[in-house]
C-alpha atoms as a PDB file:
ATOM      1  CA  MET A   1     -11.131  -7.227 -22.485  1.00  0.00           C
ATOM      2  CA  ASN A   2      -8.278  -8.743 -20.417  1.00  0.00           C
ATOM      3  CA  SER A   3      -7.295  -6.452 -17.555  1.00  0.00           C
ATOM      4  CA  GLU A   4      -3.914  -8.157 -17.162  1.00  0.00           C
ATOM      5  CA  ASN A   5      -2.960  -7.369 -20.742  1.00  0.00           C
ATOM      6  CA  ASP A   6      -4.182  -3.760 -20.423  1.00  0.00           C
ATOM      7  CA  PHE A   7      -2.119  -3.467 -17.231  1.00  0.00           C
ATOM      8  CA  GLN A   8       1.006  -4.817 -18.894  1.00  0.00           C
ATOM      9  CA  SER A   9       0.622  -2.482 -21.890  1.00  0.00           C
ATOM     10  CA  ALA A  10       0.117   0.480 -19.610  1.00  0.00           C
ATOM     11  CA  ILE A  11       3.372  -0.329 -17.817  1.00  0.00           C
ATOM     12  CA  ARG A  12       5.306  -0.680 -21.005  1.00  0.00           C
ATOM     13  CA  THR A  13       3.964   2.505 -22.670  1.00  0.00           C
ATOM     14  CA  PRO A  14       5.686   5.623 -21.398  1.00  0.00           C
ATOM     15  CA  PRO A  15       3.470   8.658 -20.797  1.00  0.00           C
ATOM     16  CA  ALA A  16       3.300  11.315 -23.483  1.00  0.00           C
ATOM     17  CA  SER A  17       4.782  13.847 -21.123  1.00  0.00           C
ATOM     18  CA  ALA A  18       7.987  11.776 -20.510  1.00  0.00           C
ATOM     19  CA  ASP A  19      11.088  13.902 -20.242  1.00  0.00           C
ATOM     20  CA  ILE A  20      13.429  13.393 -23.206  1.00  0.00           C
ATOM     21  CA  ARG A  21      16.544  13.824 -21.008  1.00  0.00           C
ATOM     22  CA  ASN A  22      15.573  10.870 -18.891  1.00  0.00           C
ATOM     23  CA  ALA A  23      14.529   8.752 -21.845  1.00  0.00           C
ATOM     24  CA  GLY A  24      17.132   6.010 -21.215  1.00  0.00           C
ATOM     25  CA  THR A  25      16.142   5.334 -17.604  1.00  0.00           C
ATOM     26  CA  CYS A  26      12.470   5.863 -18.322  1.00  0.00           C
ATOM     27  CA  ALA A  27      12.482   3.432 -21.239  1.00  0.00           C
ATOM     28  CA  GLU A  28      14.241   0.766 -19.139  1.00  0.00           C
ATOM     29  CA  GLN A  29      11.588   1.224 -16.441  1.00  0.00           C
ATOM     30  CA  TYR A  30       8.756   0.569 -18.941  1.00  0.00           C
ATOM     31  CA  GLN A  31      10.479  -2.426 -20.613  1.00  0.00           C
ATOM     32  CA  THR A  32      10.311  -4.591 -17.498  1.00  0.00           C
ATOM     33  CA  PRO A  33       6.831  -6.001 -16.852  1.00  0.00           C
ATOM     34  CA  ALA A  34       5.829  -5.748 -13.237  1.00  0.00           C
ATOM     35  CA  SER A  35       3.551  -8.044 -11.342  1.00  0.00           C
ATOM     36  CA  VAL A  36       0.969  -6.763  -8.951  1.00  0.00           C
ATOM     37  CA  SER A  37       2.868  -8.112  -5.979  1.00  0.00           C
ATOM     38  CA  GLN A  38       5.874  -5.958  -6.891  1.00  0.00           C
ATOM     39  CA  LEU A  39       3.718  -2.849  -6.727  1.00  0.00           C
ATOM     40  CA  GLN A  40       2.824  -3.213  -3.070  1.00  0.00           C
ATOM     41  CA  PRO A  41       4.403  -0.472  -0.968  1.00  0.00           C
ATOM     42  CA  ARG A  42       6.716  -1.153   1.982  1.00  0.00           C
ATOM     43  CA  PHE A  43       5.045   1.595   4.080  1.00  0.00           C
ATOM     44  CA  VAL A  44       1.831   3.530   3.741  1.00  0.00           C
ATOM     45  CA  ARG A  45       0.807   6.804   5.356  1.00  0.00           C
ATOM     46  CA  LEU A  46      -2.295   7.073   7.432  1.00  0.00           C
ATOM     47  CA  PRO A  47      -5.237   8.270   5.328  1.00  0.00           C
ATOM     48  CA  LYS A  48      -6.464  11.819   5.889  1.00  0.00           C
ATOM     49  CA  PRO A  49      -9.342  12.191   8.399  1.00  0.00           C
ATOM     50  CA  GLY A  50     -12.638  11.300   6.765  1.00  0.00           C
ATOM     51  CA  THR A  51     -11.070   9.171   3.979  1.00  0.00           C
ATOM     52  CA  LEU A  52     -10.252   5.469   3.666  1.00  0.00           C
ATOM     53  CA  CYS A  53      -6.871   3.829   2.986  1.00  0.00           C
ATOM     54  CA  PRO A  54      -6.719   3.304  -0.803  1.00  0.00           C
ATOM     55  CA  PHE A  55      -4.990  -0.102  -0.348  1.00  0.00           C
ATOM     56  CA  THR A  56      -7.173  -1.701   2.336  1.00  0.00           C
ATOM     57  CA  GLY A  57     -10.329   0.374   2.716  1.00  0.00           C
ATOM     58  CA  LEU A  58      -9.775   0.852   6.421  1.00  0.00           C
ATOM     59  CA  SER A  59     -10.321   4.177   8.092  1.00  0.00           C
ATOM     60  CA  ARG A  60      -7.615   6.124   9.962  1.00  0.00           C
ATOM     61  CA  THR A  61      -9.142   5.144  13.322  1.00  0.00           C
ATOM     62  CA  GLN A  62      -9.247   1.446  12.485  1.00  0.00           C
ATOM     63  CA  ILE A  63      -5.572   1.498  11.482  1.00  0.00           C
ATOM     64  CA  TYR A  64      -4.675   3.392  14.696  1.00  0.00           C
ATOM     65  CA  LEU A  65      -6.475   0.795  16.727  1.00  0.00           C
ATOM     66  CA  LEU A  66      -4.619  -2.063  15.019  1.00  0.00           C
ATOM     67  CA  CYS A  67      -1.294  -0.264  15.729  1.00  0.00           C
ATOM     68  CA  LYS A  68      -2.267   0.273  19.366  1.00  0.00           C
ATOM     69  CA  SER A  69      -3.153  -3.370  19.785  1.00  0.00           C
ATOM     70  CA  GLY A  70       0.313  -4.382  18.488  1.00  0.00           C
ATOM     71  CA  LYS A  71      -0.949  -6.302  15.507  1.00  0.00           C
ATOM     72  CA  VAL A  72       0.377  -3.685  13.042  1.00  0.00           C
ATOM     73  CA  LYS A  73       3.819  -2.110  13.098  1.00  0.00           C
ATOM     74  CA  SER A  74       4.111   1.663  12.696  1.00  0.00           C
ATOM     75  CA  HIS A  75       6.889   4.198  12.753  1.00  0.00           C
ATOM     76  CA  SER A  76       6.773   7.912  13.475  1.00  0.00           C
ATOM     77  CA  LEU A  77       9.097  10.165  11.531  1.00  0.00           C
ATOM     78  CA  LYS A  78       9.641  13.593  13.031  1.00  0.00           C
ATOM     79  CA  ARG A  79      12.457  15.979  13.486  1.00  0.00           C
ATOM     80  CA  ARG A  80      14.000  16.539  16.885  1.00  0.00           C
ATOM     81  CA  GLY A  81      12.139  19.093  18.885  1.00  0.00           C
ATOM     82  CA  THR A  82       8.996  19.062  16.799  1.00  0.00           C
ATOM     83  CA  SER A  83       5.592  17.928  17.975  1.00  0.00           C
ATOM     84  CA  ARG A  84       4.286  16.747  14.593  1.00  0.00           C
ATOM     85  CA  GLY A  85       5.564  14.144  12.255  1.00  0.00           C
ATOM     86  CA  ILE A  86       4.513  11.459   9.766  1.00  0.00           C
ATOM     87  CA  ARG A  87       3.154   8.080  10.916  1.00  0.00           C
ATOM     88  CA  LEU A  88       4.192   5.277   8.537  1.00  0.00           C
ATOM     89  CA  ILE A  89       2.385   1.972   8.644  1.00  0.00           C
ATOM     90  CA  ASP A  90       4.169  -1.264   7.750  1.00  0.00           C
ATOM     91  CA  PHE A  91       2.064  -2.484   4.906  1.00  0.00           C
ATOM     92  CA  GLN A  92       2.956  -6.193   5.234  1.00  0.00           C
ATOM     93  CA  SER A  93       1.946  -6.254   8.930  1.00  0.00           C
ATOM     94  CA  LEU A  94      -1.315  -4.452   8.012  1.00  0.00           C
ATOM     95  CA  VAL A  95      -2.129  -7.016   5.383  1.00  0.00           C
ATOM     96  CA  ALA A  96      -1.156  -9.870   7.793  1.00  0.00           C
ATOM     97  CA  ALA A  97      -3.527  -8.408  10.435  1.00  0.00           C
ATOM     98  CA  ILE A  98      -6.372  -8.235   7.991  1.00  0.00           C
ATOM     99  CA  GLU A  99      -5.739 -11.800   6.787  1.00  0.00           C
ATOM    100  CA  GLU A 100      -5.547 -13.009  10.388  1.00  0.00           C
ATOM    101  CA  PHE A 101      -8.917 -11.394  11.128  1.00  0.00           C
ATOM    102  CA  ALA A 102     -10.442 -12.945   7.965  1.00  0.00           C
ATOM    103  CA  SER A 103      -9.147 -16.427   8.834  1.00  0.00           C
ATOM    104  CA  ALA A 104     -10.477 -16.156  12.390  1.00  0.00           C
ATOM    105  CA  GLU A 105     -13.867 -15.058  11.074  1.00  0.00           C
ATOM    106  CA  LYS A 106     -13.862 -17.960   8.586  1.00  0.00           C
ATOM    107  CA  GLN A 107     -13.151 -20.430  11.367  1.00  0.00           C
ATOM    108  CA  GLU A 108     -16.024 -19.031  13.475  1.00  0.00           C
ATOM    109  CA  THR A 109     -18.468 -19.468  10.645  1.00  0.00           C
ATOM    110  CA  GLN A 110     -17.308 -23.065  10.027  1.00  0.00           C
ATOM    111  CA  GLU A 111     -17.824 -23.950  13.708  1.00  0.00           C
ATOM    112  CA  GLN A 112     -21.444 -22.723  13.677  1.00  0.00           C
END
């Protein structure tokens, strides 16, 4: 079973619960095959406490530490005068930090 073909057919097939009124825009959306790289988000939210990031497998604390070190960009969205908001993580910088760590680890193993 080829997962790429299954993925492509899942993209092209609209869900059974598709709204008839939006059929034109919905059909156009399913006509265009998407690659996996196009499905990467621009920003991701921090995972809830006790869970892992669904994209990277990192915990909330690990992502916070990467942001604090300056390796990962993040943005806080909150209304003026409020104490709470939403922390958005730049996904590309997160992936770049992980790849940098992996390449450094690979170099260390080659030196030994």
